[in-house]
Amino acid sequence: MQLDADLLSSFQVLRCYSRDKRINHIDFSHDGLRLIASGEDDSMIIYDCEKAMQKQIIRSAKYGADLVHFTHASNTIIYASNKEGRDHALRYMSIHDNKFLKYLSGHTAKVVSLSLSPVDDTVISSSLDKTVRMWDLRSPDCVGLMQCQGRSVAAFDPEGLIFAVGVQSEFIKLYDLRSFEKGPFSTFKFRLESGCDWTGIKFSLDGKLMMLTTNGAVIRIVDAYEGKPLYTLELSEQQGYPHRSQLHPRLSVRVERVQRWEGSRLQGGDGTKDLCTVR
């Protein structure tokens, strides 16, 4: 199925789950059967996507819960804290028995982006401490470290061979995972964002596009090969919230007149208190 403007306009809300406090981040499992949503209520809720129902609640009262991702294992997640002044380690956790499997320590300030390799257990994270760190879930120690000039966000490409780092809401640098210590093989410079910061980078599944989300009222789409800006999506509501989005991994969504995106059901996790499923 290809999602275009006409089809999207025919969608209706299937079910809406309300929470007492803001939703911070959402992520689909790799098979698309589950969705996890973290929130300011210091919990993470797992939903069954086929039945459109709540499945499990995971509490994290001490450290809170912000960025969260399913890993390749069926019953594990990795997540970052949203508590200022607390431990900024990433937490690798079994959701089968709610036990921590590993603490990935190294960041000294809030983690602002987290990306899991699509092919193995490599994780890349960036922090307000102006570093990007690479991790292997099989190892307790950081396996790669990059110093940045300012706030950064990072993400893997769909093949897990390349990763992108956005720096200071102005530059995108592309690195080969196998030789990232040699520096970026491509650097794209953009007009400095006014009044907002980049909060994330996401590649389309064919690797041809990158989506830049912000904590303002814009989302930008750029060509991943040439760095050419293609589209700016201006949001008229909920300005000032961190815009983070996820696409379900089963159907195709096309950005009108540009390129195909892979996804299906759209889920909203944009800093509001509601999580809605649309069809």
Protein backbone atom coordinates (compact mmCIF):
# COMPACT_ATOMS: atom_id res chain seq x y z
CA MET A 1 0.00 0.00 0.00
CA GLN A 2 1.26 3.47 -0.89
CA LEU A 3 0.27 6.28 1.43
CA ASP A 4 -0.38 9.61 -0.29
CA ALA A 5 -2.27 12.78 0.65
CA ASP A 6 -5.67 11.45 -0.48
CA LEU A 7 -5.34 8.20 1.44
CA LEU A 8 -4.04 9.92 4.57
CA SER A 9 -7.00 12.31 4.53
CA SER A 10 -9.34 9.31 4.70
CA PHE A 11 -7.72 7.91 7.85
CA GLN A 12 -9.62 7.87 11.12
CA VAL A 13 -8.45 7.37 14.68
CA LEU A 14 -8.70 3.68 15.54
CA ARG A 15 -7.87 3.96 19.22
CA CYS A 16 -6.36 6.60 21.48
CA TYR A 17 -4.44 5.99 24.72
CA SER A 18 -4.13 8.91 27.11
CA ARG A 19 -1.44 9.34 29.75
CA ASP A 20 -1.25 11.76 32.65
CA LYS A 21 2.01 13.28 31.43
CA ARG A 22 3.82 13.87 28.16
CA ILE A 23 4.94 11.04 25.87
CA ASN A 24 8.69 11.31 25.24
CA HIS A 25 9.51 8.69 22.60
CA ILE A 26 8.03 5.76 20.69
CA ASP A 27 9.56 2.80 18.86
CA PHE A 28 8.26 -0.22 16.92
CA SER A 29 9.70 -3.69 17.34
CA HIS A 30 11.47 -4.99 14.23
CA ASP A 31 8.55 -7.25 13.33
CA GLY A 32 6.07 -4.40 13.73
CA LEU A 33 3.96 -6.32 16.23
CA ARG A 34 4.71 -4.16 19.27
CA LEU A 35 5.12 -0.49 20.06
CA ILE A 36 6.82 0.94 23.14
CA ALA A 37 6.20 4.49 24.41
CA SER A 38 8.15 6.23 27.17
CA GLY A 39 6.75 9.15 29.12
CA GLU A 40 7.27 11.83 31.73
CA ASP A 41 5.31 9.60 34.11
CA ASP A 42 8.54 7.57 34.52
CA SER A 43 7.16 4.54 32.73
CA MET A 44 7.34 2.72 29.41
CA ILE A 45 4.21 1.08 28.01
CA ILE A 46 4.27 -1.70 25.41
CA TYR A 47 1.29 -1.97 23.05
CA ASP A 48 0.15 -4.88 20.89
CA CYS A 49 -0.15 -3.39 17.39
CA GLU A 50 -2.39 -6.11 15.97
CA LYS A 51 -4.92 -5.97 18.80
CA ALA A 52 -4.45 -2.23 19.46
CA MET A 53 -4.24 -2.81 23.18
CA GLN A 54 -1.89 -2.14 26.09
CA LYS A 55 0.31 -5.14 26.85
CA GLN A 56 2.89 -4.27 29.54
CA ILE A 57 3.97 -1.41 31.80
CA ILE A 58 7.64 -0.98 32.77
CA ARG A 59 8.40 1.41 35.64
CA SER A 60 11.57 3.51 35.87
CA ALA A 61 10.86 5.85 38.76
CA LYS A 62 14.48 6.46 39.78
CA TYR A 63 15.89 7.40 36.38
CA GLY A 64 12.83 8.19 34.31
CA ALA A 65 12.50 7.15 30.68
CA ASP A 66 13.21 9.08 27.51
CA LEU A 67 14.67 7.59 24.32
CA VAL A 68 13.77 3.89 24.13
CA HIS A 69 14.33 1.19 21.50
CA PHE A 70 13.59 -2.48 21.10
CA THR A 71 16.75 -4.46 20.37
CA HIS A 72 17.07 -7.40 17.99
CA ALA A 73 16.33 -9.82 20.82
CA SER A 74 12.59 -10.28 21.28
CA ASN A 75 12.45 -9.42 24.99
CA THR A 76 15.03 -6.68 25.52
CA ILE A 77 15.06 -2.89 25.27
CA ILE A 78 17.63 -0.13 25.66
CA TYR A 79 16.69 3.28 27.01
CA ALA A 80 18.06 6.60 28.27
CA SER A 81 17.20 8.59 31.39
CA ASN A 82 15.41 11.94 31.39
CA LYS A 83 16.30 12.87 34.97
CA GLU A 84 18.67 15.82 35.21
CA GLY A 85 21.58 15.23 37.58
CA ARG A 86 21.07 11.46 37.59
CA ASP A 87 23.25 8.76 36.08
CA HIS A 88 23.32 9.23 32.30
CA ALA A 89 24.11 5.60 31.50
CA LEU A 90 22.10 3.73 28.90
CA ARG A 91 20.16 0.83 30.35
CA TYR A 92 19.96 -2.52 28.58
CA MET A 93 16.99 -4.34 30.06
CA SER A 94 15.11 -7.63 29.87
CA ILE A 95 11.37 -6.96 29.71
CA HIS A 96 10.65 -10.62 30.39
CA ASP A 97 11.59 -10.29 34.07
CA ASN A 98 12.22 -6.51 34.32
CA LYS A 99 15.92 -6.94 35.09
CA PHE A 100 18.82 -4.80 33.92
CA LEU A 101 21.29 -6.76 31.82
CA LYS A 102 23.91 -4.05 31.46
CA TYR A 103 24.65 -0.39 32.16
CA LEU A 104 26.43 1.44 29.34
CA SER A 105 28.25 4.20 31.20
CA GLY A 106 30.28 7.05 29.76
CA HIS A 107 28.07 10.03 28.93
CA THR A 108 28.26 12.84 31.47
CA ALA A 109 25.14 14.72 30.36
CA LYS A 110 21.67 13.95 29.00
CA VAL A 111 21.54 11.57 26.02
CA VAL A 112 19.66 13.27 23.18
CA SER A 113 19.77 10.65 20.41
CA LEU A 114 19.93 6.87 20.34
CA SER A 115 20.11 4.60 17.29
CA LEU A 116 20.35 0.82 17.01
CA SER A 117 22.10 -0.80 14.04
CA PRO A 118 19.61 -2.63 11.79
CA VAL A 119 22.00 -5.57 11.37
CA ASP A 120 23.65 -6.25 14.75
CA ASP A 121 23.91 -5.16 18.38
CA THR A 122 25.82 -1.94 17.73
CA VAL A 123 24.29 1.19 19.27
CA ILE A 124 25.20 4.82 18.68
CA SER A 125 24.29 7.60 21.10
CA SER A 126 24.87 11.33 21.35
CA SER A 127 24.74 13.55 24.39
CA LEU A 128 24.77 17.14 25.58
CA ASP A 129 28.32 16.39 26.74
CA LYS A 130 29.26 17.00 23.06
CA THR A 131 30.21 13.40 22.37
CA VAL A 132 28.96 10.60 20.16
CA ARG A 133 29.58 7.13 21.55
CA MET A 134 29.41 3.72 19.96
CA TRP A 135 28.47 0.63 21.95
CA ASP A 136 28.25 -3.12 21.47
CA LEU A 137 25.55 -4.67 23.63
CA ARG A 138 27.82 -7.67 24.10
CA SER A 139 30.48 -5.47 25.70
CA PRO A 140 30.28 -3.34 28.88
CA ASP A 141 32.56 -0.62 27.54
CA CYS A 142 32.26 2.06 24.89
CA VAL A 143 33.82 0.82 21.64
CA GLY A 144 34.03 4.18 19.87
CA LEU A 145 34.13 7.85 20.88
CA MET A 146 33.83 11.06 18.84
CA GLN A 147 34.21 14.59 20.17
CA CYS A 148 31.83 17.11 18.58
CA GLN A 149 31.79 20.89 18.50
CA GLY A 150 28.33 21.13 20.05
CA ARG A 151 24.97 19.43 20.43
CA SER A 152 24.75 16.42 18.12
CA VAL A 153 22.29 13.78 16.95
CA ALA A 154 23.20 10.51 15.23
CA ALA A 155 21.58 7.60 13.35
CA PHE A 156 22.46 4.51 11.33
CA ASP A 157 21.53 4.07 7.69
CA PRO A 158 19.25 1.11 6.74
CA GLU A 159 22.18 -1.20 5.93
CA GLY A 160 24.13 -0.48 9.10
CA LEU A 161 27.26 0.45 7.14
CA ILE A 162 27.02 4.23 7.45
CA PHE A 163 25.94 6.56 10.20
CA ALA A 164 25.06 10.24 10.11
CA VAL A 165 25.89 12.81 12.77
CA GLY A 166 24.11 16.15 12.85
CA VAL A 167 26.13 18.84 14.65
CA GLN A 168 24.93 22.19 16.00
CA SER A 169 21.76 22.02 13.85
CA GLU A 170 23.95 23.13 10.93
CA PHE A 171 26.11 20.25 9.67
CA ILE A 172 25.44 16.62 8.74
CA LYS A 173 28.51 14.39 8.59
CA LEU A 174 28.44 10.89 7.09
CA TYR A 175 30.81 8.21 8.41
CA ASP A 176 31.74 4.73 7.28
CA LEU A 177 31.21 2.50 10.31
CA ARG A 178 34.30 0.45 9.44
CA SER A 179 36.62 3.46 9.42
CA PHE A 180 34.84 6.26 11.27
CA GLU A 181 38.04 7.17 13.11
CA LYS A 182 39.35 8.58 9.80
CA GLY A 183 36.64 11.23 9.81
CA PRO A 184 33.54 11.83 7.68
CA PHE A 185 33.56 10.98 3.99
CA SER A 186 30.87 13.62 3.32
CA THR A 187 29.88 16.81 5.13
CA PHE A 188 26.79 18.87 4.30
CA LYS A 189 26.30 22.41 5.59
CA PHE A 190 22.83 23.86 6.05
CA ARG A 191 21.44 27.20 7.06
CA LEU A 192 21.62 27.39 10.84
CA GLU A 193 18.24 26.67 12.41
CA SER A 194 16.55 29.68 13.96
CA GLY A 195 14.72 29.21 17.23
CA CYS A 196 15.03 25.42 17.38
CA ASP A 197 17.50 22.53 17.48
CA TRP A 198 17.65 19.24 15.61
CA THR A 199 16.32 16.46 17.83
CA GLY A 200 16.91 13.51 15.52
CA ILE A 201 17.90 12.09 12.14
CA LYS A 202 16.10 9.22 10.42
CA PHE A 203 16.92 7.59 7.09
CA SER A 204 14.26 6.31 4.70
CA LEU A 205 14.49 2.53 4.28
CA ASP A 206 16.05 2.88 0.82
CA GLY A 207 18.72 5.16 2.31
CA LYS A 208 18.08 7.96 -0.18
CA LEU A 209 16.48 10.47 2.17
CA MET A 210 17.12 11.81 5.66
CA MET A 211 14.46 13.36 7.88
CA LEU A 212 15.57 15.98 10.40
CA THR A 213 13.20 16.46 13.32
CA THR A 214 13.38 19.56 15.51
CA ASN A 215 12.02 20.88 18.78
CA GLY A 216 10.39 23.71 16.86
CA ALA A 217 7.65 23.76 14.24
CA VAL A 218 9.58 22.31 11.28
CA ILE A 219 10.67 18.91 10.01
CA ARG A 220 13.16 18.86 7.13
CA ILE A 221 13.72 16.25 4.43
CA VAL A 222 17.06 16.21 2.61
CA ASP A 223 18.77 14.12 -0.04
CA ALA A 224 21.08 11.67 1.75
CA TYR A 225 23.56 11.48 -1.15
CA GLU A 226 24.01 15.16 -1.95
CA GLY A 227 22.69 16.87 1.17
CA LYS A 228 20.25 18.89 -0.90
CA PRO A 229 17.22 20.20 1.06
CA LEU A 230 14.07 18.82 -0.53
CA TYR A 231 11.14 19.66 1.70
CA THR A 232 10.34 21.58 4.84
CA LEU A 233 7.23 20.48 6.70
CA GLU A 234 5.89 23.38 8.73
CA LEU A 235 3.74 22.42 11.70
CA SER A 236 1.01 24.80 12.75
CA GLU A 237 0.25 23.22 16.13
CA GLN A 238 2.18 22.00 19.16
CA GLN A 239 5.06 24.36 18.45
CA GLY A 240 8.02 24.02 20.78
CA TYR A 241 7.61 20.28 21.38
CA PRO A 242 10.28 17.78 20.40
CA HIS A 243 8.92 16.15 17.23
CA ARG A 244 9.86 12.46 17.11
CA SER A 245 8.06 10.11 14.77
CA GLN A 246 8.08 6.43 13.88
CA LEU A 247 6.76 4.58 10.85
CA HIS A 248 5.49 1.03 11.06
CA PRO A 249 7.88 -1.26 9.13
CA ARG A 250 5.34 -2.99 6.87
CA LEU A 251 3.87 -0.62 4.29
CA SER A 252 5.12 2.12 1.98
CA VAL A 253 4.64 5.79 2.67
CA ARG A 254 5.51 8.24 -0.08
CA VAL A 255 6.45 11.85 0.52
CA GLU A 256 4.44 13.52 -2.23
CA ARG A 257 6.51 14.03 -5.43
CA VAL A 258 9.74 13.08 -3.71
CA GLN A 259 10.49 9.53 -2.71
CA ARG A 260 9.09 6.39 -1.13
CA TRP A 261 9.33 5.88 2.59
CA GLU A 262 8.84 2.46 4.12
CA GLY A 263 6.30 2.29 6.91
CA SER A 264 2.60 1.83 7.49
CA ARG A 265 0.48 2.74 10.47
CA LEU A 266 1.44 6.18 11.69
CA GLN A 267 1.83 6.65 15.42
CA GLY A 268 2.03 10.05 17.09
CA GLY A 269 4.54 10.69 19.87
CA ASP A 270 5.18 14.40 19.53
CA GLY A 271 5.28 15.64 23.07
CA THR A 272 1.54 15.33 23.68
CA LYS A 273 -0.13 13.11 26.28
CA ASP A 274 -1.98 10.94 23.74
CA LEU A 275 -0.84 8.03 21.62
CA CYS A 276 -3.17 7.47 18.67
CA THR A 277 -3.31 4.73 16.06
CA VAL A 278 -4.74 5.74 12.69
CA ARG A 279 -5.87 3.71 9.71
